[in-house]
Protein backbone atom coordinates (compact mmCIF):
# COMPACT_ATOMS: atom_id res chain seq x y z
CA UNK A 1 -12.65 11.34 10.01
CA UNK A 2 -8.96 10.88 9.21
CA UNK A 3 -7.51 7.93 11.11
CA UNK A 4 -3.97 8.29 9.80
CA UNK A 5 -1.69 9.58 7.07
CA UNK A 6 1.45 7.96 5.75
CA UNK A 7 4.03 8.89 3.16
CA UNK A 8 7.18 7.23 1.89
CA UNK A 9 10.01 8.02 -0.49
CA UNK A 10 11.88 5.03 -1.88
CA UNK A 11 15.23 5.09 -3.65
CA UNK A 12 14.82 2.89 -6.74
CA UNK A 13 18.56 2.16 -6.67
CA UNK A 14 18.15 0.51 -3.25
CA UNK A 15 15.52 -1.80 -4.73
CA UNK A 16 17.98 -2.73 -7.49
CA UNK A 17 20.65 -3.48 -4.88
CA UNK A 18 18.23 -5.64 -2.87
CA UNK A 19 17.35 -7.60 -5.99
CA UNK A 20 21.04 -8.05 -6.83
CA UNK A 21 21.78 -9.33 -3.31
CA UNK A 22 18.70 -11.50 -2.77
CA UNK A 23 17.35 -12.18 -6.26
CA UNK A 24 13.64 -12.85 -6.66
CA UNK A 25 13.38 -13.73 -2.94
CA UNK A 26 13.27 -10.02 -2.15
CA UNK A 27 10.29 -9.42 -4.44
CA UNK A 28 8.63 -12.63 -3.20
CA UNK A 29 8.89 -11.34 0.39
CA UNK A 30 7.34 -7.95 -0.43
CA UNK A 31 4.79 -8.67 -3.17
CA UNK A 32 1.58 -10.70 -3.15
CA UNK A 33 1.10 -13.43 -5.77
CA UNK A 34 -0.90 -11.07 -8.02
CA UNK A 35 1.73 -8.34 -7.67
CA UNK A 36 4.50 -10.86 -8.37
CA UNK A 37 2.83 -11.87 -11.63
CA UNK A 38 2.64 -8.22 -12.73
CA UNK A 39 6.23 -7.58 -11.61
CA UNK A 40 7.51 -10.56 -13.60
CA UNK A 41 5.58 -9.50 -16.72
CA UNK A 42 6.84 -5.92 -16.51
CA UNK A 43 10.39 -7.03 -15.78
CA UNK A 44 10.37 -9.35 -18.81
CA UNK A 45 9.35 -6.43 -21.05
CA UNK A 46 11.62 -3.87 -19.39
CA UNK A 47 13.77 -4.46 -16.30
CA UNK A 48 13.49 -0.74 -15.49
CA UNK A 49 9.66 -0.88 -15.50
CA UNK A 50 9.75 -3.93 -13.25
CA UNK A 51 12.09 -2.19 -10.84
CA UNK A 52 9.87 0.88 -10.67
CA UNK A 53 6.80 -1.30 -10.11
CA UNK A 54 8.53 -3.01 -7.17
CA UNK A 55 9.66 0.34 -5.73
CA UNK A 56 6.20 1.94 -5.90
CA UNK A 57 4.58 -1.10 -4.25
CA UNK A 58 7.24 -1.17 -1.53
CA UNK A 59 6.71 2.55 -0.92
CA UNK A 60 2.90 2.25 -0.83
CA UNK A 61 3.03 -0.57 1.71
CA UNK A 62 5.39 1.47 3.89
CA UNK A 63 3.00 4.45 3.66
CA UNK A 64 0.02 2.27 4.48
CA UNK A 65 1.75 0.77 7.52
CA UNK A 66 2.47 4.29 8.78
CA UNK A 67 -1.08 5.50 8.14
CA UNK A 68 -2.60 2.67 10.20
CA UNK A 69 -0.06 3.26 12.97
CA UNK A 70 1.33 -0.27 13.10
CA UNK A 71 4.50 -0.06 11.09
CA UNK A 72 5.54 -3.58 10.13
CA UNK A 73 3.96 -5.23 13.19
CA UNK A 74 1.22 -7.84 13.17
CA UNK A 75 -1.27 -7.98 11.68
CA UNK A 76 0.53 -5.79 9.09
CA UNK A 77 2.82 -7.79 6.82
CA UNK A 78 4.13 -7.13 3.31
CA UNK A 79 2.00 -9.82 1.72
CA UNK A 80 -1.25 -9.05 3.54
CA UNK A 81 -1.28 -5.62 1.91
CA UNK A 82 -1.66 -5.48 -1.86
CA UNK A 83 -1.56 -2.49 -4.17
CA UNK A 84 -3.93 -3.14 -7.05
CA UNK A 85 -5.58 -0.95 -9.66
CA UNK A 86 -9.23 -0.21 -10.27
CA UNK A 87 -10.47 -0.56 -13.88
CA UNK A 88 -9.86 3.20 -14.24
CA UNK A 89 -6.19 2.65 -13.40
CA UNK A 90 -6.48 4.31 -9.98
CA UNK A 91 -4.37 2.48 -7.40
CA UNK A 92 -6.13 0.95 -4.41
CA UNK A 93 -5.23 -1.03 -1.32
CA UNK A 94 -6.51 -4.62 -1.08
CA UNK A 95 -6.03 -6.36 2.25
CA UNK A 96 -5.86 -10.04 3.11
CA UNK A 97 -6.19 -12.30 6.13
CA UNK A 98 -5.84 -10.93 9.65
CA UNK A 99 -4.99 -7.45 8.39
CA UNK A 100 -8.25 -7.28 6.44
CA UNK A 101 -10.20 -8.44 9.51
CA UNK A 102 -8.45 -5.89 11.75
CA UNK A 103 -8.98 -3.06 9.23
CA UNK A 104 -12.67 -3.80 8.68
CA UNK A 105 -13.33 -4.13 12.43
CA UNK A 106 -12.15 -0.54 12.80
CA UNK A 107 -14.36 0.62 9.86
CA UNK A 108 -11.35 1.96 7.98
CA UNK A 109 -10.97 2.91 4.31
CA UNK A 110 -7.67 3.66 2.55
CA UNK A 111 -6.78 6.01 -0.31
CA UNK A 112 -3.38 5.69 -2.01
CA UNK A 113 -1.42 7.52 -4.66
CA UNK A 114 1.94 6.54 -6.16
CA UNK A 115 4.51 8.16 -8.38
CA UNK A 116 8.03 7.58 -9.61
CA UNK A 117 10.49 9.95 -11.19
CA UNK A 118 14.19 9.58 -11.73
CA UNK A 119 15.73 7.54 -8.94
CA UNK A 120 12.74 7.80 -6.60
CA UNK A 121 9.32 6.29 -6.04
CA UNK A 122 6.90 7.96 -3.66
CA UNK A 123 3.51 7.23 -2.18
CA UNK A 124 0.93 8.84 0.03
CA UNK A 125 -1.85 7.06 1.94
CA UNK A 126 -4.80 8.54 3.81
CA UNK A 127 -6.85 6.21 6.00
CA UNK A 128 -10.34 7.28 6.99
CA UNK A 129 -12.51 5.93 9.75
CA UNK A 130 -16.26 5.89 9.28
CA UNK A 131 -18.03 7.81 11.98
CA UNK A 132 -21.59 7.32 13.04
CA UNK A 133 -23.65 10.49 12.83
CA UNK A 134 -24.48 11.88 16.25
CA UNK A 135 -28.17 11.25 16.89
CA UNK A 136 -30.25 14.40 17.32
CA UNK A 137 -32.51 14.16 20.38
CA UNK A 138 -36.26 14.40 19.67
CA UNK A 139 -37.49 17.97 19.78
CA UNK A 140 -34.03 19.46 19.18
CA UNK A 141 -34.43 22.21 16.54
CA UNK A 142 -30.93 21.75 15.04
């Protein structure tokens, strides 16, 4: 059963402005340690790739916060939500701390997709909630 859906469109130029104003502190506020390492590696190779990486992660976390219905309220925080990749390259949501506990207690599962093109990064998140099958009473022919 679908628990929630979230989408976000991020202007990559706004991310560049935030980095200009706040430096690495902006990325350090939004990204987990693992994401920061990837961001720094990509930025060193190509500042544009690093910027797009930051924008897609920012967008995905916004989408996730909308899909779970919390926005940026506890236990949802930027750094408790991580956008990682499976070995296949498919993006996935990895949660930490209180957010992970909250999410698992509700039997939720997230699906995320990201894209960037031109001056925009976009994401879409669907959160499912596991449902228990309705027991069929003994003797019921269905």
